[in-house]
Amino acid sequence: MTTRYNTSIYHNIIGFFNGLKNKVTWFNLYRKTYSNYLDIILNDFQKNYPIKGILRNNEIKILNSKDEIALYSLLEIHKNVIYDEKNDYASFDLSFFDYNLKKITTYGIKQNLDTLLAFNNGTYENLPVKNKVVIDIGACTGDTSIYFAIRGAKKVIAIEPYPKNFEMLKKY
């Protein structure tokens, strides 16, 4: 059976180039983070975990997933984050931003890299949440719920069905 998609050639081309841009961006992040980045990329592609990663400062990390590979690359570019590897939480210095809060700690970073993006890249900054009720469906560990609250949401309702994430969410 053939599946037919209702996308234009234009959108297919744009999608292809956006995907390519994303791969080049991650390649460059890995290159800047790991001295053995080619070995990491090859093993990640083949899903040969764990992978021995050698950071540019010669620190060795045992990487058990694609998320862990990406984690250290994102930490490399986000200097306002202090990551506690043993307890898997990150403290963010938010004093550079126009937030009601100047410091935040989030949990479960290895499984929720979006935390690093939410508090650094402006991933959600264009969402009109000020003075609104926000329902965060799939709240994961609560990072976006906190983000919406410090951005002025009147009320945030966090819904998370996965028990492990929900337990971390309750820490807040």
Protein backbone atom coordinates (compact mmCIF):
# COMPACT_ATOMS: atom_id res chain seq x y z
CA MET A 1 0.00 0.00 0.00
CA THR A 2 1.32 3.42 -0.93
CA THR A 3 0.99 6.30 1.51
CA ARG A 4 0.38 9.69 -0.03
CA TYR A 5 1.32 12.84 1.82
CA ASN A 6 -0.28 16.21 1.24
CA THR A 7 2.93 18.23 1.33
CA SER A 8 4.22 20.40 -1.46
CA ILE A 9 7.59 19.97 -3.10
CA TYR A 10 8.53 23.33 -1.60
CA HIS A 11 7.79 22.12 1.94
CA ASN A 12 9.65 18.87 1.32
CA ILE A 13 12.71 20.84 0.19
CA ILE A 14 12.47 23.20 3.18
CA GLY A 15 12.11 20.20 5.49
CA PHE A 16 15.15 18.54 3.94
CA PHE A 17 17.33 21.63 4.37
CA ASN A 18 16.11 22.23 7.93
CA GLY A 19 16.99 18.63 8.77
CA LEU A 20 20.40 19.07 7.17
CA LYS A 21 20.96 22.31 9.09
CA ASN A 22 20.06 20.53 12.33
CA LYS A 23 22.56 17.73 11.63
CA VAL A 24 25.34 20.23 10.84
CA THR A 25 24.54 22.17 14.04
CA TRP A 26 24.82 19.02 16.19
CA PHE A 27 27.96 17.91 14.34
CA ASN A 28 29.59 21.24 15.20
CA LEU A 29 28.44 21.06 18.82
CA TYR A 30 29.92 17.57 19.15
CA ARG A 31 33.14 18.74 17.47
CA LYS A 32 33.48 21.60 19.97
CA THR A 33 32.68 19.38 22.96
CA TYR A 34 34.49 16.08 22.35
CA SER A 35 38.02 15.41 21.16
CA ASN A 36 36.82 12.01 19.85
CA TYR A 37 33.65 13.38 18.24
CA LEU A 38 33.89 11.21 15.10
CA ASP A 39 34.06 8.06 17.21
CA ILE A 40 31.07 9.27 19.23
CA ILE A 41 29.01 10.05 16.12
CA LEU A 42 29.81 6.68 14.55
CA ASN A 43 29.02 4.70 17.71
CA ASP A 44 25.86 6.72 18.32
CA PHE A 45 24.70 6.06 14.75
CA GLN A 46 25.28 2.33 15.31
CA LYS A 47 23.75 2.53 18.82
CA ASN A 48 26.92 1.06 20.35
CA TYR A 49 26.46 2.20 23.94
CA PRO A 50 28.10 2.90 26.27
CA ILE A 51 30.48 5.22 24.45
CA LYS A 52 33.63 6.64 26.01
CA GLY A 53 33.50 10.40 25.43
CA ILE A 54 36.57 12.55 25.91
CA LEU A 55 35.70 16.17 26.56
CA ARG A 56 38.00 18.90 25.23
CA ASN A 57 39.33 19.38 28.79
CA ASN A 58 40.33 15.64 28.74
CA GLU A 59 37.59 14.67 31.19
CA ILE A 60 36.16 11.25 30.34
CA LYS A 61 32.40 10.64 30.29
CA ILE A 62 30.69 7.30 29.81
CA LEU A 63 27.76 8.07 27.52
CA ASN A 64 24.80 5.69 27.65
CA SER A 65 22.43 7.38 25.21
CA LYS A 66 22.03 10.03 22.53
CA ASP A 67 20.64 12.33 25.23
CA GLU A 68 23.79 12.02 27.32
CA ILE A 69 25.94 12.79 24.26
CA ALA A 70 23.86 15.90 23.59
CA LEU A 71 23.78 16.92 27.26
CA TYR A 72 27.49 17.68 27.50
CA SER A 73 27.41 19.57 24.20
CA LEU A 74 24.53 21.74 25.40
CA LEU A 75 26.30 22.36 28.72
CA GLU A 76 29.32 23.50 26.74
CA ILE A 77 27.38 26.31 25.07
CA HIS A 78 25.15 27.28 28.01
CA LYS A 79 27.56 28.78 30.51
CA ASN A 80 24.83 29.85 32.93
CA VAL A 81 24.21 26.23 33.98
CA ILE A 82 25.88 24.28 36.76
CA TYR A 83 25.16 20.57 36.32
CA ASP A 84 25.33 18.07 39.18
CA GLU A 85 26.01 14.82 37.35
CA LYS A 86 25.71 12.56 40.40
CA ASN A 87 22.23 13.83 41.34
CA ASP A 88 21.15 14.74 37.78
CA TYR A 89 20.04 18.29 38.41
CA ALA A 90 21.00 21.66 36.98
CA SER A 91 21.08 25.10 38.54
CA PHE A 92 20.46 27.98 36.15
CA ASP A 93 21.63 31.55 36.64
CA LEU A 94 18.74 33.54 35.18
CA SER A 95 20.01 37.00 36.13
CA PHE A 96 20.72 37.71 32.44
CA PHE A 97 17.04 37.37 31.57
CA ASP A 98 13.96 39.44 32.31
CA TYR A 99 12.42 36.80 34.58
CA ASN A 100 10.78 37.13 37.98
CA LEU A 101 13.27 34.54 39.24
CA LYS A 102 17.06 34.85 39.14
CA LYS A 103 18.02 31.24 39.87
CA ILE A 104 16.28 27.90 39.35
CA THR A 105 17.17 24.24 39.87
CA THR A 106 15.63 21.56 37.69
CA TYR A 107 15.81 17.79 38.04
CA GLY A 108 16.10 14.87 35.62
CA ILE A 109 18.27 16.65 33.07
CA LYS A 110 19.56 13.49 31.35
CA GLN A 111 16.08 12.56 30.24
CA ASN A 112 14.84 16.11 29.66
CA LEU A 113 17.31 18.18 27.66
CA ASP A 114 14.54 20.62 26.80
CA THR A 115 15.22 22.20 30.19
CA LEU A 116 18.51 23.56 28.87
CA LEU A 117 16.72 24.97 25.85
CA ALA A 118 13.70 26.40 27.68
CA PHE A 119 15.81 28.53 30.00
CA ASN A 120 18.41 29.56 27.42
CA ASN A 121 17.33 29.55 23.78
CA GLY A 122 14.05 31.37 23.93
CA THR A 123 12.25 28.23 22.82
CA TYR A 124 8.99 29.41 24.39
CA GLU A 125 9.57 33.15 24.70
CA ASN A 126 7.04 34.07 22.01
CA LEU A 127 4.18 32.21 23.65
CA PRO A 128 1.69 34.69 25.15
CA VAL A 129 1.45 33.23 28.66
CA LYS A 130 1.39 36.38 30.79
CA ASN A 131 -1.79 36.51 32.92
CA LYS A 132 -3.11 33.33 31.24
CA VAL A 133 -4.00 29.88 32.52
CA VAL A 134 -1.54 27.46 30.91
CA ILE A 135 -2.07 23.71 30.69
CA ASP A 136 1.27 21.95 30.22
CA ILE A 137 0.33 18.53 28.86
CA GLY A 138 3.32 16.19 29.00
CA ALA A 139 5.02 18.40 31.57
CA CYS A 140 7.88 15.90 31.93
CA THR A 141 9.93 17.02 34.94
CA GLY A 142 8.18 20.39 35.30
CA ASP A 143 10.73 22.63 33.58
CA THR A 144 8.32 24.23 31.12
CA SER A 145 5.67 24.60 33.80
CA ILE A 146 8.16 26.57 35.88
CA TYR A 147 9.19 28.57 32.84
CA PHE A 148 5.57 29.56 32.17
CA ALA A 149 5.09 30.52 35.83
CA ILE A 150 8.15 32.78 35.95
CA ARG A 151 7.08 34.33 32.64
CA GLY A 152 3.90 35.55 34.33
CA ALA A 153 1.25 32.88 33.78
CA LYS A 154 -1.67 33.39 36.16
CA LYS A 155 -1.91 29.63 36.76
CA VAL A 156 -0.06 26.60 35.38
CA ILE A 157 -1.61 23.15 35.36
CA ALA A 158 1.05 20.47 34.79
CA ILE A 159 -0.09 17.07 33.52
CA GLU A 160 2.46 14.24 33.36
CA PRO A 161 1.44 10.58 32.95
CA TYR A 162 4.92 9.00 33.22
CA PRO A 163 5.46 8.07 36.93
CA LYS A 164 9.24 8.69 37.02
CA ASN A 165 8.84 12.17 35.53
CA PHE A 166 5.88 12.89 37.80
CA GLU A 167 7.98 12.07 40.89
CA MET A 168 10.63 14.57 39.76
CA LEU A 169 7.93 17.13 38.96
CA LYS A 170 6.62 16.87 42.54
CA LYS A 171 10.02 18.02 43.89
CA TYR A 172 9.08 21.56 42.98
